[in-house]
Amino acid sequence: MSASPNAPRWALLLLAVGWAVVLLGTAAGSQGWQAWWLVDADPVSRQIVWDIRLPRSLGAWLGGALLGLAGAVAQGLFRNPLADPYLLGSASGASLGVGVYWSLWGGSAWAMSGWLGLGLTGAAFVGAVLAVVLTLLLARGVQQTLRLLLAGVVVGVVLGAVTSLISLLQPQVLQAMQGFMLGSTAFVSWSACLTLSVVLVLCVALACAFARVLDALTLGESTAQSLGVPLALARLVLVGVISLATGAAVAHLGLVAFVGLAAPHLVRSLVRCTHAWRLGLSALMGGALLVLADVLARVLFAPQELPVGVLTAVLGGGYLLWRVYRDADTGVRA
């Protein structure tokens, strides 16, 4: 499949839309819209914009880009349009890490501040990585895609049950974890944006290096092997990309639903292209979707704020339901 000549145009459009919404997000607050760049804002307002709103909007874009990229890699690697970034158990592992962290600190509010806030992020990331490692051990490596897929489902269910058990034994943990489980960008800082930026650049570079392998996998594993594609190495690297991208995004934003699943679907519905373009377009689409959802979550019911994960679940789930209905009606495969 050759790259569509429209792919670069869509890339520029999605990049422009994403960054325009990031700028728009700096004007979205608890009191509605405030176009601070049109007025002579006081120092306090400017500090709110630069220290809270801008890193929050930028972090939402970066986290969405990571989820979109991970979703595109997962769907290409498993050759399944329903694959999402949480397929290898990383989300359940991150939830368990947060649950253990809150149980150790008693779910107190001050545990989110300072170095302890970094500890919460670290606990989520370590939990996500350990979950993926456990998935790889159960699957006995990355040689068989189906076994890897089943192992990820099993690990996700088991770790989710352990997290629920911790919440039942310590009710204060359930209340403290609510923001994490529903997804939130409220605690994203400039240091988090730096971390997400580095992870995004690394994951995009690794994924694009194996884009031709994903193209070959669309013909089937047997055909890809006959073409001399290094499937074992490619699986290992691409699973690492999914794990790193998802772990970083979940650690800083919590469990944000449907972005990693819907972004590649939207890209496929807009443009036909090789994975070299699809990966980048999915990242840009994911970033635009999540930062847009974050802005809407802040202003729809201001001064009350919706969890961004709830909004992405409603919007993403509605879109996928519409796709299922349309494809069933027209006889087109998703």
Protein backbone atom coordinates (compact mmCIF):
# COMPACT_ATOMS: atom_id res chain seq x y z
CA MET A 1 0.00 0.00 0.00
CA SER A 2 1.52 3.30 -1.03
CA ALA A 3 1.25 6.38 1.11
CA SER A 4 -1.64 8.68 0.29
CA PRO A 5 -0.63 12.13 -1.00
CA ASN A 6 -3.14 13.50 1.52
CA ALA A 7 -1.26 12.08 4.50
CA PRO A 8 1.13 15.06 4.90
CA ARG A 9 -1.80 17.46 4.67
CA TRP A 10 -3.68 15.59 7.38
CA ALA A 11 -0.54 15.58 9.52
CA LEU A 12 -0.20 19.35 9.27
CA LEU A 13 -3.92 19.84 9.90
CA LEU A 14 -3.99 17.61 12.98
CA LEU A 15 -0.83 19.24 14.34
CA ALA A 16 -2.32 22.70 13.85
CA VAL A 17 -5.64 21.70 15.42
CA GLY A 18 -3.94 20.08 18.39
CA TRP A 19 -1.74 23.04 19.19
CA ALA A 20 -4.59 25.49 18.62
CA VAL A 21 -6.63 23.62 21.23
CA VAL A 22 -3.61 23.62 23.57
CA LEU A 23 -3.55 27.42 23.29
CA LEU A 24 -7.31 27.49 23.75
CA GLY A 25 -6.89 25.40 26.87
CA THR A 26 -4.91 28.19 28.53
CA ALA A 27 -8.11 30.26 28.44
CA ALA A 28 -10.32 27.52 29.92
CA GLY A 29 -10.78 27.80 33.67
CA SER A 30 -13.22 27.09 36.45
CA GLN A 31 -15.11 30.30 35.66
CA GLY A 32 -15.42 29.56 31.95
CA TRP A 33 -13.45 31.28 29.18
CA GLN A 34 -10.90 33.99 29.86
CA ALA A 35 -8.96 35.21 26.84
CA TRP A 36 -5.95 36.28 28.85
CA TRP A 37 -3.97 37.25 25.73
CA LEU A 38 -6.55 39.97 24.90
CA VAL A 39 -6.48 41.66 28.29
CA ASP A 40 -3.84 43.01 30.61
CA ALA A 41 -3.89 40.06 33.02
CA ASP A 42 -2.59 40.47 36.55
CA PRO A 43 0.49 38.49 37.71
CA VAL A 44 -1.64 35.93 39.53
CA SER A 45 -3.65 35.17 36.39
CA ARG A 46 -0.50 34.86 34.33
CA GLN A 47 0.98 32.48 36.89
CA ILE A 48 -2.17 30.35 36.71
CA VAL A 49 -1.85 30.24 32.92
CA TRP A 50 1.86 29.39 32.77
CA ASP A 51 2.16 27.12 35.81
CA ILE A 52 -1.19 25.29 35.68
CA ARG A 53 -3.21 25.62 32.49
CA LEU A 54 -0.44 25.49 29.88
CA PRO A 55 1.39 22.42 31.25
CA ARG A 56 -1.97 20.76 31.79
CA SER A 57 -3.07 21.31 28.18
CA LEU A 58 0.36 20.39 26.82
CA GLY A 59 0.46 17.29 29.01
CA ALA A 60 -2.97 16.26 27.74
CA TRP A 61 -1.74 16.57 24.14
CA LEU A 62 1.42 14.58 24.86
CA GLY A 63 -0.44 11.88 26.78
CA GLY A 64 -3.06 11.58 24.04
CA ALA A 65 -0.31 11.32 21.43
CA LEU A 66 1.31 8.47 23.37
CA LEU A 67 -2.00 6.62 23.66
CA GLY A 68 -2.80 7.17 19.98
CA LEU A 69 0.63 5.88 18.97
CA ALA A 70 0.39 2.87 21.28
CA GLY A 71 -3.07 2.07 19.91
CA ALA A 72 -1.86 2.16 16.31
CA VAL A 73 1.11 -0.08 17.16
CA ALA A 74 -1.11 -2.54 19.05
CA GLN A 75 -3.64 -2.76 16.23
CA GLY A 76 -0.90 -3.29 13.67
CA LEU A 77 1.04 -5.81 15.75
CA PHE A 78 -1.98 -7.90 16.74
CA ARG A 79 -3.70 -7.32 13.37
CA ASN A 80 -6.89 -6.52 15.24
CA PRO A 81 -8.76 -3.19 14.94
CA LEU A 82 -10.13 -3.69 18.47
CA ALA A 83 -6.69 -3.81 20.09
CA ASP A 84 -5.96 -0.92 22.45
CA PRO A 85 -2.91 0.25 24.46
CA TYR A 86 -4.20 -1.42 27.66
CA LEU A 87 -4.23 -4.85 26.06
CA LEU A 88 -1.05 -6.12 27.75
CA GLY A 89 -2.27 -5.43 31.28
CA SER A 90 -0.45 -2.12 31.72
CA ALA A 91 -3.55 -0.25 32.86
CA SER A 92 -4.38 -2.82 35.53
CA GLY A 93 -0.76 -2.84 36.64
CA ALA A 94 -0.72 0.94 36.94
CA SER A 95 -3.95 0.84 38.95
CA LEU A 96 -2.48 -1.75 41.29
CA GLY A 97 0.66 0.36 41.75
CA VAL A 98 -1.46 3.38 42.66
CA GLY A 99 -3.60 1.26 44.99
CA VAL A 100 -0.54 -0.05 46.82
CA TYR A 101 0.89 3.46 47.05
CA TRP A 102 -2.32 4.88 48.52
CA SER A 103 -2.62 1.98 50.95
CA LEU A 104 0.89 2.68 52.24
CA TRP A 105 0.23 6.41 52.67
CA GLY A 106 -3.32 6.05 53.91
CA GLY A 107 -4.92 7.86 50.96
CA SER A 108 -4.09 11.25 52.49
CA ALA A 109 -4.36 14.35 50.33
CA TRP A 110 -0.84 15.56 51.19
CA ALA A 111 0.55 12.44 49.54
CA MET A 112 -0.11 14.10 46.18
CA SER A 113 2.22 17.01 46.92
CA GLY A 114 5.93 17.43 46.36
CA TRP A 115 8.12 14.36 46.10
CA LEU A 116 5.26 12.10 47.16
CA GLY A 117 3.35 13.17 44.07
CA LEU A 118 6.29 11.96 42.02
CA GLY A 119 6.11 8.73 44.02
CA LEU A 120 2.52 8.25 42.90
CA THR A 121 3.55 8.68 39.27
CA GLY A 122 6.46 6.30 39.79
CA ALA A 123 4.21 3.70 41.42
CA ALA A 124 1.84 3.79 38.46
CA PHE A 125 4.67 3.47 35.97
CA VAL A 126 6.39 0.63 37.84
CA GLY A 127 3.07 -1.19 38.15
CA ALA A 128 2.45 -0.86 34.40
CA VAL A 129 5.94 -2.14 33.53
CA LEU A 130 5.72 -5.08 35.94
CA ALA A 131 2.33 -6.04 34.51
CA VAL A 132 3.78 -6.14 30.99
CA VAL A 133 6.77 -8.17 32.22
CA LEU A 134 4.36 -10.64 33.84
CA THR A 135 2.44 -10.84 30.56
CA LEU A 136 5.65 -11.61 28.68
CA LEU A 137 6.58 -14.32 31.20
CA LEU A 138 3.18 -15.98 30.91
CA ALA A 139 3.32 -15.78 27.12
CA ARG A 140 6.90 -17.14 27.17
CA GLY A 141 8.18 -14.27 25.12
CA VAL A 142 6.78 -12.47 22.10
CA GLN A 143 7.01 -15.28 19.56
CA GLN A 144 3.28 -16.04 19.43
CA THR A 145 0.91 -13.12 19.06
CA LEU A 146 -2.23 -15.00 20.18
CA ARG A 147 -0.58 -16.28 23.36
CA LEU A 148 0.67 -12.77 24.14
CA LEU A 149 -2.82 -11.39 23.64
CA LEU A 150 -4.44 -13.97 25.93
CA ALA A 151 -1.76 -13.52 28.59
CA GLY A 152 -2.39 -9.77 28.60
CA VAL A 153 -6.12 -10.29 29.13
CA VAL A 154 -5.49 -12.72 32.01
CA VAL A 155 -2.98 -10.42 33.70
CA GLY A 156 -5.33 -7.47 33.36
CA VAL A 157 -8.23 -9.36 34.98
CA VAL A 158 -6.14 -10.75 37.85
CA LEU A 159 -4.42 -7.46 38.69
CA GLY A 160 -7.74 -5.64 38.47
CA ALA A 161 -9.18 -8.10 40.99
CA VAL A 162 -6.23 -7.52 43.34
CA THR A 163 -6.77 -3.75 43.09
CA SER A 164 -10.45 -4.20 43.92
CA LEU A 165 -9.52 -6.33 46.91
CA ILE A 166 -7.19 -3.61 48.22
CA SER A 167 -9.96 -1.05 47.80
CA LEU A 168 -12.41 -3.25 49.73
CA LEU A 169 -9.98 -3.81 52.59
CA GLN A 170 -9.11 -0.10 52.80
CA PRO A 171 -12.10 2.05 51.75
CA GLN A 172 -10.07 5.28 51.87
CA VAL A 173 -7.98 3.92 48.99
CA LEU A 174 -11.05 3.70 46.76
CA GLN A 175 -11.89 7.36 47.33
CA ALA A 176 -8.30 8.44 46.78
CA MET A 177 -8.03 6.42 43.56
CA GLN A 178 -11.22 7.81 42.03
CA GLY A 179 -9.46 10.59 40.15
CA PHE A 180 -6.88 8.17 38.80
CA MET A 181 -9.45 5.60 37.68
CA LEU A 182 -11.55 8.23 35.89
CA GLY A 183 -8.58 10.00 34.31
CA SER A 184 -7.42 13.51 35.12
CA THR A 185 -4.93 16.07 33.83
CA ALA A 186 -5.20 18.27 36.90
CA PHE A 187 -1.81 17.30 38.34
CA VAL A 188 0.31 17.50 35.17
CA SER A 189 3.35 19.73 35.72
CA TRP A 190 6.19 20.98 33.54
CA SER A 191 8.39 18.10 34.72
CA ALA A 192 5.68 15.67 33.63
CA CYS A 193 5.52 17.37 30.22
CA LEU A 194 9.28 16.96 29.85
CA THR A 195 9.06 13.27 30.70
CA LEU A 196 6.16 12.70 28.32
CA SER A 197 8.00 14.58 25.54
CA VAL A 198 11.11 12.42 25.86
CA VAL A 199 9.06 9.22 25.93
CA LEU A 200 7.02 10.34 22.90
CA VAL A 201 10.11 11.10 20.79
CA LEU A 202 11.69 7.75 21.73
CA CYS A 203 8.52 5.75 21.06
CA VAL A 204 7.83 7.45 17.72
CA ALA A 205 11.40 6.78 16.58
CA LEU A 206 11.27 3.09 17.56
CA ALA A 207 7.80 2.53 16.13
CA CYS A 208 8.61 4.17 12.81
CA ALA A 209 11.81 2.11 12.55
CA PHE A 210 9.63 -1.01 12.45
CA ALA A 211 6.78 0.45 10.39
CA ARG A 212 7.65 -1.79 7.43
CA VAL A 213 7.30 -4.82 9.69
CA LEU A 214 3.77 -3.76 10.55
CA ASP A 215 3.06 -3.35 6.83
CA ALA A 216 4.31 -6.87 6.22
CA LEU A 217 2.19 -8.26 9.06
CA THR A 218 -0.96 -7.10 7.28
CA LEU A 219 -0.25 -9.93 4.80
CA GLY A 220 -0.06 -12.49 7.62
CA GLU A 221 2.76 -13.80 9.80
CA SER A 222 3.70 -16.61 7.41
CA THR A 223 4.03 -14.21 4.50
CA ALA A 224 5.99 -11.74 6.62
CA GLN A 225 8.43 -14.48 7.65
CA SER A 226 8.86 -15.57 4.05
CA LEU A 227 9.82 -11.98 3.21
CA GLY A 228 12.65 -12.15 5.73
CA VAL A 229 11.06 -9.80 8.26
CA PRO A 230 12.70 -10.03 11.73
CA LEU A 231 9.42 -10.79 13.54
CA ALA A 232 10.93 -11.77 16.91
CA LEU A 233 12.95 -8.57 17.24
CA ALA A 234 10.08 -6.47 15.89
CA ARG A 235 7.60 -7.93 18.38
CA LEU A 236 9.96 -7.32 21.27
CA VAL A 237 10.60 -3.70 20.32
CA LEU A 238 6.98 -2.93 19.49
CA VAL A 239 5.72 -4.48 22.73
CA GLY A 240 8.26 -2.29 24.50
CA VAL A 241 6.90 0.75 22.67
CA ILE A 242 3.33 -0.08 23.68
CA SER A 243 4.38 -0.64 27.30
CA LEU A 244 6.52 2.48 27.61
CA ALA A 245 4.03 4.78 25.90
CA THR A 246 1.06 3.45 27.84
CA GLY A 247 2.88 3.35 31.16
CA ALA A 248 4.05 6.95 30.85
CA ALA A 249 0.62 8.23 29.81
CA VAL A 250 -1.27 6.31 32.49
CA ALA A 251 1.21 7.28 35.19
CA HIS A 252 0.63 11.00 34.57
CA LEU A 253 -3.00 11.09 33.38
CA GLY A 254 -4.67 8.06 34.91
CA LEU A 255 -6.93 5.67 32.99
CA VAL A 256 -8.14 7.62 29.96
CA ALA A 257 -10.50 5.44 27.95
CA PHE A 258 -10.94 5.02 24.18
CA VAL A 259 -8.32 7.53 22.98
CA GLY A 260 -5.87 4.80 22.00
CA LEU A 261 -8.66 2.78 20.40
CA ALA A 262 -10.52 5.56 18.57
CA ALA A 263 -7.54 7.57 17.24
CA PRO A 264 -6.27 4.88 14.80
CA HIS A 265 -9.86 4.21 13.68
CA LEU A 266 -10.36 7.88 12.87
CA VAL A 267 -7.10 7.95 10.93
CA ARG A 268 -8.07 4.91 8.87
CA SER A 269 -11.44 6.47 8.08
CA LEU A 270 -9.77 9.68 6.86
CA VAL A 271 -6.76 8.49 4.87
CA ARG A 272 -5.30 5.25 3.51
CA CYS A 273 -1.58 5.06 4.10
CA THR A 274 1.27 2.85 5.21
CA HIS A 275 2.13 2.42 8.88
CA ALA A 276 4.97 4.91 8.57
CA TRP A 277 2.31 7.62 8.22
CA ARG A 278 -0.43 5.91 10.20
CA LEU A 279 1.64 5.82 13.37
CA GLY A 280 2.40 9.53 13.27
CA LEU A 281 -1.14 10.47 12.28
CA SER A 282 -2.57 8.35 15.11
CA ALA A 283 -0.30 10.11 17.58
CA LEU A 284 -1.40 13.53 16.30
CA MET A 285 -5.05 12.44 16.34
CA GLY A 286 -4.76 11.10 19.88
CA GLY A 287 -3.17 14.33 21.08
CA ALA A 288 -5.87 16.46 19.46
CA LEU A 289 -8.67 14.27 20.85
CA LEU A 290 -7.44 14.25 24.44
CA VAL A 291 -6.62 17.96 24.70
CA LEU A 292 -10.01 18.78 23.16
CA ALA A 293 -11.73 16.48 25.66
CA ASP A 294 -9.76 18.07 28.50
CA VAL A 295 -10.87 21.57 27.50
CA LEU A 296 -14.50 20.45 27.20
CA ALA A 297 -14.28 18.71 30.58
CA ARG A 298 -13.24 22.00 32.15
CA VAL A 299 -15.86 24.28 30.62
CA LEU A 300 -19.00 22.19 30.02
CA PHE A 301 -20.17 22.33 33.65
CA ALA A 302 -17.93 25.11 35.00
CA PRO A 303 -17.11 25.69 37.79
CA GLN A 304 -17.49 21.94 38.29
CA GLU A 305 -15.03 19.87 36.27
CA LEU A 306 -15.74 16.53 34.63
CA PRO A 307 -13.11 13.75 34.76
CA VAL A 308 -11.59 13.71 31.31
CA GLY A 309 -11.72 9.91 31.19
CA VAL A 310 -15.50 10.00 31.52
CA LEU A 311 -15.80 12.39 28.59
CA THR A 312 -13.45 10.39 26.35
CA ALA A 313 -15.39 7.22 27.21
CA VAL A 314 -18.69 8.83 26.20
CA LEU A 315 -17.34 10.42 23.01
CA GLY A 316 -15.09 7.53 22.00
CA GLY A 317 -17.68 4.90 22.83
CA GLY A 318 -20.33 6.80 20.89
CA TYR A 319 -18.05 7.07 17.87
CA LEU A 320 -17.20 3.36 17.89
CA LEU A 321 -20.86 2.42 18.28
CA TRP A 322 -21.64 4.57 15.26
CA ARG A 323 -18.83 2.85 13.31
CA VAL A 324 -20.17 -0.58 14.24
CA TYR A 325 -23.70 0.40 13.19
CA ARG A 326 -22.50 1.96 9.92
CA ASP A 327 -20.21 -0.94 9.02
CA ALA A 328 -22.90 -3.50 9.82
CA ASP A 329 -25.35 -1.56 7.68
CA THR A 330 -23.00 -1.20 4.72
CA GLY A 331 -21.21 -4.53 5.07
CA VAL A 332 -17.79 -2.87 5.45
CA ARG A 333 -15.19 -4.31 7.79
CA ALA A 334 -13.93 -2.00 10.60
